[in-house]
Amino acid sequence: MAPRPTPKPAPTPSARPAPVPVPVSYPAYRTPPHKHAPRGGPSLVSFTLLITAPAVLAVAALRPR
């Protein structure tokens, strides 16, 4: 008669248990308040022209002839 194979030992339990997910609560989302455009000062169109007009004039004056 053939000898019986020895059974493998049972695995030992791990030292640390698996982590359990914990529910997380986030604060309520609040939209930031809208920033109002400044009432004083030049309008956006005037400000754009104030910046671009000198640059256009400088390019026209300094172009090679």
Protein backbone atom coordinates (compact mmCIF):
# COMPACT_ATOMS: atom_id res chain seq x y z
CA MET A 1 0.00 0.00 0.00
CA ALA A 2 1.32 3.51 -0.93
CA PRO A 3 1.93 6.03 1.85
CA ARG A 4 -0.57 8.86 2.01
CA PRO A 5 0.75 12.34 1.15
CA THR A 6 0.93 14.66 4.11
CA PRO A 7 -1.68 17.45 3.95
CA LYS A 8 -0.46 21.01 3.57
CA PRO A 9 -0.71 23.09 6.74
CA ALA A 10 -3.53 25.64 6.92
CA PRO A 11 -2.40 29.21 6.23
CA THR A 12 -1.88 31.30 9.33
CA PRO A 13 -4.14 34.35 9.66
CA SER A 14 -2.55 37.66 8.74
CA ALA A 15 -1.40 39.92 11.54
CA ARG A 16 -3.51 42.91 10.44
CA PRO A 17 -7.12 42.68 9.26
CA ALA A 18 -8.11 44.31 6.00
CA PRO A 19 -9.06 48.00 6.40
CA VAL A 20 -12.76 48.76 6.38
CA PRO A 21 -13.84 51.81 4.33
CA VAL A 22 -15.25 54.57 6.49
CA PRO A 23 -17.90 56.93 5.10
CA VAL A 24 -16.61 60.45 4.54
CA SER A 25 -18.71 63.60 4.77
CA TYR A 26 -17.76 66.65 2.74
CA PRO A 27 -18.87 70.20 3.52
CA ALA A 28 -21.72 71.58 1.44
CA TYR A 29 -20.56 73.13 -1.84
CA ARG A 30 -21.11 76.85 -2.07
CA THR A 31 -20.51 78.79 -5.26
CA PRO A 32 -18.17 81.76 -4.83
CA PRO A 33 -19.86 85.15 -5.04
CA HIS A 34 -19.69 86.91 -8.39
CA LYS A 35 -17.17 89.72 -8.60
CA HIS A 36 -18.67 92.92 -9.87
CA ALA A 37 -16.77 94.96 -12.44
CA PRO A 38 -15.45 98.24 -11.06
CA ARG A 39 -17.85 101.07 -11.83
CA GLY A 40 -15.19 103.77 -11.93
CA GLY A 41 -12.49 103.99 -14.59
CA PRO A 42 -12.50 103.42 -18.33
CA SER A 43 -14.69 100.81 -20.02
CA LEU A 44 -13.15 97.65 -21.39
CA VAL A 45 -13.16 99.01 -24.96
CA SER A 46 -11.47 102.26 -23.91
CA PHE A 47 -8.89 100.36 -21.89
CA THR A 48 -8.12 98.07 -24.84
CA LEU A 49 -7.68 101.04 -27.17
CA LEU A 50 -5.50 102.76 -24.57
CA ILE A 51 -3.15 99.77 -24.63
CA THR A 52 -3.17 98.90 -28.34
CA ALA A 53 -3.17 102.36 -29.98
CA PRO A 54 0.37 103.35 -28.85
CA ALA A 55 1.68 99.94 -29.91
CA VAL A 56 0.14 100.28 -33.39
CA LEU A 57 1.51 103.81 -33.77
CA ALA A 58 4.99 102.67 -32.66
CA VAL A 59 4.99 99.83 -35.20
CA ALA A 60 3.92 102.21 -37.96
CA ALA A 61 6.56 104.79 -37.01
CA LEU A 62 9.42 102.32 -36.59
CA ARG A 63 8.84 100.12 -39.66
CA PRO A 64 11.68 99.99 -42.15
CA ARG A 65 11.34 102.22 -45.19
